[in-house]
Amino acid sequence: MTPLVSIQHLILRLVALAAKLGIAKSSWIKLIQPRSHLHFGTWLPVGVYKDIFVNNHYHCPIALRHDARIVDGGANIGLSSLYFLHRYPDARIEAYEANPLTCRLLTKTLASAKFAAGRYSVHGKALHTEDGQVPFYANPDTPSALNSSIAGRDNMKERGKRIEIP
């Protein structure tokens, strides 16, 4: 872990607290590493940042091919996609996010990073075993939270809004 990542994690924790208290003035934060703007709406997934960038949980222990294709299923607001784009500069990232509100945040986050054209694509779809429409449950008040679900887990059938997505 680099000192920049440690500092960034501390800043994210402070911004998350400000957002939780309703005193955050913005719904995005400038990341030092990887250089981008992280668009988060009303909830900042600090634990995800820590898992990916501080604890390095997404590090691939084997060398990837020059033209590797990485599928980021359930990309949320783009932290894992940013990691893959930063860590594997020759790879192509396909980011899938079924929640339409979250997908907009994901698109803004990746566009802010200014990676080379064609390095990534964003798909506002679910990954599923068959084509067609699928019921999806999401809380429109917290699009960056990790509680959207096809199955309606975490009581999302009661608390969330049901939408049909491709």
C-alpha atoms as a PDB file:
ATOM      1  CA  MET A   1       0.000   0.000   0.000  1.00  0.00           C
ATOM      2  CA  THR A   2       1.356   3.391  -0.956  1.00  0.00           C
ATOM      3  CA  PRO A   3       1.169   6.445   1.320  1.00  0.00           C
ATOM      4  CA  LEU A   4      -1.152   8.095  -1.237  1.00  0.00           C
ATOM      5  CA  VAL A   5      -3.639   5.233  -0.929  1.00  0.00           C
ATOM      6  CA  SER A   6      -3.557   5.508   2.878  1.00  0.00           C
ATOM      7  CA  ILE A   7      -4.170   9.246   2.732  1.00  0.00           C
ATOM      8  CA  GLN A   8      -6.942   8.767   0.180  1.00  0.00           C
ATOM      9  CA  HIS A   9      -8.634   6.169   2.387  1.00  0.00           C
ATOM     10  CA  LEU A  10      -8.597   8.565   5.353  1.00  0.00           C
ATOM     11  CA  ILE A  11     -10.072  11.355   3.194  1.00  0.00           C
ATOM     12  CA  LEU A  12     -12.786   9.009   1.927  1.00  0.00           C
ATOM     13  CA  ARG A  13     -13.691   8.059   5.491  1.00  0.00           C
ATOM     14  CA  LEU A  14     -14.073  11.736   6.426  1.00  0.00           C
ATOM     15  CA  VAL A  15     -16.170  12.515   3.338  1.00  0.00           C
ATOM     16  CA  ALA A  16     -18.342   9.448   4.011  1.00  0.00           C
ATOM     17  CA  LEU A  17     -18.978  10.699   7.536  1.00  0.00           C
ATOM     18  CA  ALA A  18     -19.881  14.154   6.195  1.00  0.00           C
ATOM     19  CA  ALA A  19     -22.255  12.556   3.675  1.00  0.00           C
ATOM     20  CA  LYS A  20     -23.864  10.447   6.396  1.00  0.00           C
ATOM     21  CA  LEU A  21     -24.370  13.547   8.552  1.00  0.00           C
ATOM     22  CA  GLY A  22     -25.818  15.419   5.573  1.00  0.00           C
ATOM     23  CA  ILE A  23     -23.082  18.058   5.537  1.00  0.00           C
ATOM     24  CA  ALA A  24     -21.244  16.904   2.402  1.00  0.00           C
ATOM     25  CA  LYS A  25     -21.411  19.612  -0.247  1.00  0.00           C
ATOM     26  CA  SER A  26     -20.786  17.344  -3.196  1.00  0.00           C
ATOM     27  CA  SER A  27     -21.739  13.894  -4.460  1.00  0.00           C
ATOM     28  CA  TRP A  28     -18.280  13.209  -5.866  1.00  0.00           C
ATOM     29  CA  ILE A  29     -14.702  13.292  -4.608  1.00  0.00           C
ATOM     30  CA  LYS A  30     -11.424  13.673  -6.442  1.00  0.00           C
ATOM     31  CA  LEU A  31      -9.291  10.548  -6.090  1.00  0.00           C
ATOM     32  CA  ILE A  32      -5.522  10.861  -5.959  1.00  0.00           C
ATOM     33  CA  GLN A  33      -4.886   7.277  -7.021  1.00  0.00           C
ATOM     34  CA  PRO A  34      -6.220   6.338  -9.454  1.00  0.00           C
ATOM     35  CA  ARG A  35      -6.619   9.893 -10.698  1.00  0.00           C
ATOM     36  CA  SER A  36     -10.347  10.412 -11.251  1.00  0.00           C
ATOM     37  CA  HIS A  37     -13.545  11.774  -9.743  1.00  0.00           C
ATOM     38  CA  LEU A  38     -15.492   9.163  -7.815  1.00  0.00           C
ATOM     39  CA  HIS A  39     -19.214   9.911  -8.196  1.00  0.00           C
ATOM     40  CA  PHE A  40     -21.069   8.397  -5.240  1.00  0.00           C
ATOM     41  CA  GLY A  41     -24.457  10.035  -4.841  1.00  0.00           C
ATOM     42  CA  THR A  42     -25.456   9.949  -1.169  1.00  0.00           C
ATOM     43  CA  TRP A  43     -23.476   6.950   0.111  1.00  0.00           C
ATOM     44  CA  LEU A  44     -19.723   6.446  -0.208  1.00  0.00           C
ATOM     45  CA  PRO A  45     -18.546   2.791  -0.155  1.00  0.00           C
ATOM     46  CA  VAL A  46     -15.362   3.342   1.878  1.00  0.00           C
ATOM     47  CA  GLY A  47     -15.092  -0.361   2.746  1.00  0.00           C
ATOM     48  CA  VAL A  48     -15.001  -1.244  -0.956  1.00  0.00           C
ATOM     49  CA  TYR A  49     -12.194   1.260  -1.551  1.00  0.00           C
ATOM     50  CA  LYS A  50     -10.275  -0.267   1.366  1.00  0.00           C
ATOM     51  CA  ASP A  51     -10.761  -3.837   0.091  1.00  0.00           C
ATOM     52  CA  ILE A  52      -9.660  -2.963  -3.437  1.00  0.00           C
ATOM     53  CA  PHE A  53      -6.913  -0.348  -3.023  1.00  0.00           C
ATOM     54  CA  VAL A  54      -5.650  -0.720   0.554  1.00  0.00           C
ATOM     55  CA  ASN A  55      -5.945  -4.499   1.040  1.00  0.00           C
ATOM     56  CA  ASN A  56      -5.322  -5.234  -2.664  1.00  0.00           C
ATOM     57  CA  HIS A  57      -8.012  -7.951  -2.769  1.00  0.00           C
ATOM     58  CA  TYR A  58      -8.436  -7.711  -6.554  1.00  0.00           C
ATOM     59  CA  HIS A  59      -4.772  -8.243  -7.393  1.00  0.00           C
ATOM     60  CA  CYS A  60      -4.393 -11.013  -9.950  1.00  0.00           C
ATOM     61  CA  PRO A  61      -1.563 -13.377  -8.923  1.00  0.00           C
ATOM     62  CA  ILE A  62      -0.899 -14.439 -12.514  1.00  0.00           C
ATOM     63  CA  ALA A  63       0.228 -12.324 -15.437  1.00  0.00           C
ATOM     64  CA  LEU A  64      -2.596 -11.233 -17.716  1.00  0.00           C
ATOM     65  CA  ARG A  65      -2.291 -11.379 -21.473  1.00  0.00           C
ATOM     66  CA  HIS A  66      -1.542  -8.120 -23.265  1.00  0.00           C
ATOM     67  CA  ASP A  67      -5.099  -7.987 -24.638  1.00  0.00           C
ATOM     68  CA  ALA A  68      -6.895  -9.292 -21.518  1.00  0.00           C
ATOM     69  CA  ARG A  69     -10.639  -8.777 -21.192  1.00  0.00           C
ATOM     70  CA  ILE A  70     -11.895  -8.162 -17.649  1.00  0.00           C
ATOM     71  CA  VAL A  71     -15.628  -8.297 -16.949  1.00  0.00           C
ATOM     72  CA  ASP A  72     -16.654  -6.256 -13.923  1.00  0.00           C
ATOM     73  CA  GLY A  73     -20.085  -7.654 -13.036  1.00  0.00           C
ATOM     74  CA  GLY A  74     -21.994  -5.441 -10.635  1.00  0.00           C
ATOM     75  CA  ALA A  75     -19.544  -2.594 -11.199  1.00  0.00           C
ATOM     76  CA  ASN A  76     -21.438  -0.239  -8.864  1.00  0.00           C
ATOM     77  CA  ILE A  77     -19.862   3.252  -9.060  1.00  0.00           C
ATOM     78  CA  GLY A  78     -16.621   2.053 -10.642  1.00  0.00           C
ATOM     79  CA  LEU A  79     -14.025   1.431  -7.942  1.00  0.00           C
ATOM     80  CA  SER A  80     -13.126  -2.024  -9.218  1.00  0.00           C
ATOM     81  CA  SER A  81     -13.146  -0.851 -12.843  1.00  0.00           C
ATOM     82  CA  LEU A  82     -10.805   2.016 -11.897  1.00  0.00           C
ATOM     83  CA  TYR A  83      -8.514  -0.472 -10.191  1.00  0.00           C
ATOM     84  CA  PHE A  84      -8.417  -2.766 -13.224  1.00  0.00           C
ATOM     85  CA  LEU A  85      -7.856   0.141 -15.639  1.00  0.00           C
ATOM     86  CA  HIS A  86      -5.047   1.503 -13.466  1.00  0.00           C
ATOM     87  CA  ARG A  87      -3.422  -1.825 -12.595  1.00  0.00           C
ATOM     88  CA  TYR A  88      -3.656  -3.454 -16.028  1.00  0.00           C
ATOM     89  CA  PRO A  89      -3.016  -0.680 -18.580  1.00  0.00           C
ATOM     90  CA  ASP A  90      -3.374  -2.960 -21.608  1.00  0.00           C
ATOM     91  CA  ALA A  91      -6.565  -4.710 -20.522  1.00  0.00           C
ATOM     92  CA  ARG A  92     -10.055  -3.920 -21.776  1.00  0.00           C
ATOM     93  CA  ILE A  93     -12.705  -3.562 -19.064  1.00  0.00           C
ATOM     94  CA  GLU A  94     -16.406  -4.334 -19.560  1.00  0.00           C
ATOM     95  CA  ALA A  95     -18.354  -2.836 -16.642  1.00  0.00           C
ATOM     96  CA  TYR A  96     -21.914  -4.115 -16.078  1.00  0.00           C
ATOM     97  CA  GLU A  97     -24.248  -2.323 -13.671  1.00  0.00           C
ATOM     98  CA  ALA A  98     -27.959  -3.088 -13.675  1.00  0.00           C
ATOM     99  CA  ASN A  99     -29.165  -0.243 -11.444  1.00  0.00           C
ATOM    100  CA  PRO A 100     -29.814   2.687 -13.848  1.00  0.00           C
ATOM    101  CA  LEU A 101     -29.022   5.374 -11.247  1.00  0.00           C
ATOM    102  CA  THR A 102     -25.809   3.628 -10.217  1.00  0.00           C
ATOM    103  CA  CYS A 103     -24.861   3.098 -13.871  1.00  0.00           C
ATOM    104  CA  ARG A 104     -24.984   6.874 -14.400  1.00  0.00           C
ATOM    105  CA  LEU A 105     -22.559   7.356 -11.485  1.00  0.00           C
ATOM    106  CA  LEU A 106     -20.320   4.606 -12.904  1.00  0.00           C
ATOM    107  CA  THR A 107     -20.285   6.270 -16.318  1.00  0.00           C
ATOM    108  CA  LYS A 108     -19.336   9.656 -14.802  1.00  0.00           C
ATOM    109  CA  THR A 109     -16.592   8.098 -12.667  1.00  0.00           C
ATOM    110  CA  LEU A 110     -14.945   6.260 -15.567  1.00  0.00           C
ATOM    111  CA  ALA A 111     -15.273   9.239 -17.933  1.00  0.00           C
ATOM    112  CA  SER A 112     -13.504  11.454 -15.371  1.00  0.00           C
ATOM    113  CA  ALA A 113     -10.447   9.189 -15.352  1.00  0.00           C
ATOM    114  CA  LYS A 114      -9.631   9.979 -18.992  1.00  0.00           C
ATOM    115  CA  PHE A 115      -8.333   6.527 -19.870  1.00  0.00           C
ATOM    116  CA  ALA A 116      -7.607   5.888 -23.532  1.00  0.00           C
ATOM    117  CA  ALA A 117     -10.640   5.565 -25.772  1.00  0.00           C
ATOM    118  CA  GLY A 118     -11.806   1.998 -26.149  1.00  0.00           C
ATOM    119  CA  ARG A 119     -10.214   0.793 -22.880  1.00  0.00           C
ATOM    120  CA  TYR A 120     -13.572   0.307 -21.195  1.00  0.00           C
ATOM    121  CA  SER A 121     -17.267   0.006 -21.910  1.00  0.00           C
ATOM    122  CA  VAL A 122     -20.233   0.491 -19.589  1.00  0.00           C
ATOM    123  CA  HIS A 123     -23.354  -1.666 -19.906  1.00  0.00           C
ATOM    124  CA  GLY A 124     -26.577  -0.831 -18.077  1.00  0.00           C
ATOM    125  CA  LYS A 125     -27.616  -4.469 -17.906  1.00  0.00           C
ATOM    126  CA  ALA A 126     -27.648  -7.389 -15.530  1.00  0.00           C
ATOM    127  CA  LEU A 127     -25.499 -10.441 -16.032  1.00  0.00           C
ATOM    128  CA  HIS A 128     -27.825 -13.421 -16.135  1.00  0.00           C
ATOM    129  CA  THR A 129     -28.083 -16.937 -17.509  1.00  0.00           C
ATOM    130  CA  GLU A 130     -30.538 -15.964 -20.255  1.00  0.00           C
ATOM    131  CA  ASP A 131     -31.494 -12.968 -22.391  1.00  0.00           C
ATOM    132  CA  GLY A 132     -34.584 -10.890 -21.773  1.00  0.00           C
ATOM    133  CA  GLN A 133     -35.879  -8.745 -18.944  1.00  0.00           C
ATOM    134  CA  VAL A 134     -35.341  -9.517 -15.272  1.00  0.00           C
ATOM    135  CA  PRO A 135     -36.895  -8.014 -12.139  1.00  0.00           C
ATOM    136  CA  PHE A 136     -34.421  -5.905 -10.201  1.00  0.00           C
ATOM    137  CA  TYR A 137     -34.765  -4.300  -6.777  1.00  0.00           C
ATOM    138  CA  ALA A 138     -33.015  -1.052  -5.914  1.00  0.00           C
ATOM    139  CA  ASN A 139     -33.310   1.769  -3.433  1.00  0.00           C
ATOM    140  CA  PRO A 140     -33.460   5.009  -5.454  1.00  0.00           C
ATOM    141  CA  ASP A 141     -32.292   7.039  -2.443  1.00  0.00           C
ATOM    142  CA  THR A 142     -28.918   5.279  -2.202  1.00  0.00           C
ATOM    143  CA  PRO A 143     -27.789   4.324  -5.718  1.00  0.00           C
ATOM    144  CA  SER A 144     -24.166   3.741  -4.673  1.00  0.00           C
ATOM    145  CA  ALA A 145     -25.057   1.416  -1.799  1.00  0.00           C
ATOM    146  CA  LEU A 146     -24.288  -2.246  -2.253  1.00  0.00           C
ATOM    147  CA  ASN A 147     -27.861  -3.395  -1.791  1.00  0.00           C
ATOM    148  CA  SER A 148     -29.363  -3.611  -5.279  1.00  0.00           C
ATOM    149  CA  SER A 149     -30.364  -7.119  -6.227  1.00  0.00           C
ATOM    150  CA  ILE A 150     -31.963  -9.348  -8.831  1.00  0.00           C
ATOM    151  CA  ALA A 151     -33.077 -11.739  -6.087  1.00  0.00           C
ATOM    152  CA  GLY A 152     -34.335  -9.038  -3.720  1.00  0.00           C
ATOM    153  CA  ARG A 153     -31.868  -9.885  -0.964  1.00  0.00           C
ATOM    154  CA  ASP A 154     -31.450  -7.767   2.172  1.00  0.00           C
ATOM    155  CA  ASN A 155     -35.205  -7.085   2.290  1.00  0.00           C
ATOM    156  CA  MET A 156     -34.989  -5.122  -0.969  1.00  0.00           C
ATOM    157  CA  LYS A 157     -38.346  -6.571  -2.052  1.00  0.00           C
ATOM    158  CA  GLU A 158     -39.919  -4.591   0.809  1.00  0.00           C
ATOM    159  CA  ARG A 159     -37.663  -1.509   0.923  1.00  0.00           C
ATOM    160  CA  GLY A 160     -36.584  -1.141  -2.669  1.00  0.00           C
ATOM    161  CA  LYS A 161     -38.261  -0.307  -5.906  1.00  0.00           C
ATOM    162  CA  ARG A 162     -38.834  -3.113  -8.424  1.00  0.00           C
ATOM    163  CA  ILE A 163     -37.850  -2.327 -11.993  1.00  0.00           C
ATOM    164  CA  GLU A 164     -37.412  -4.468 -15.093  1.00  0.00           C
ATOM    165  CA  ILE A 165     -33.970  -4.351 -16.657  1.00  0.00           C
ATOM    166  CA  PRO A 166     -32.304  -6.031 -19.633  1.00  0.00           C
END
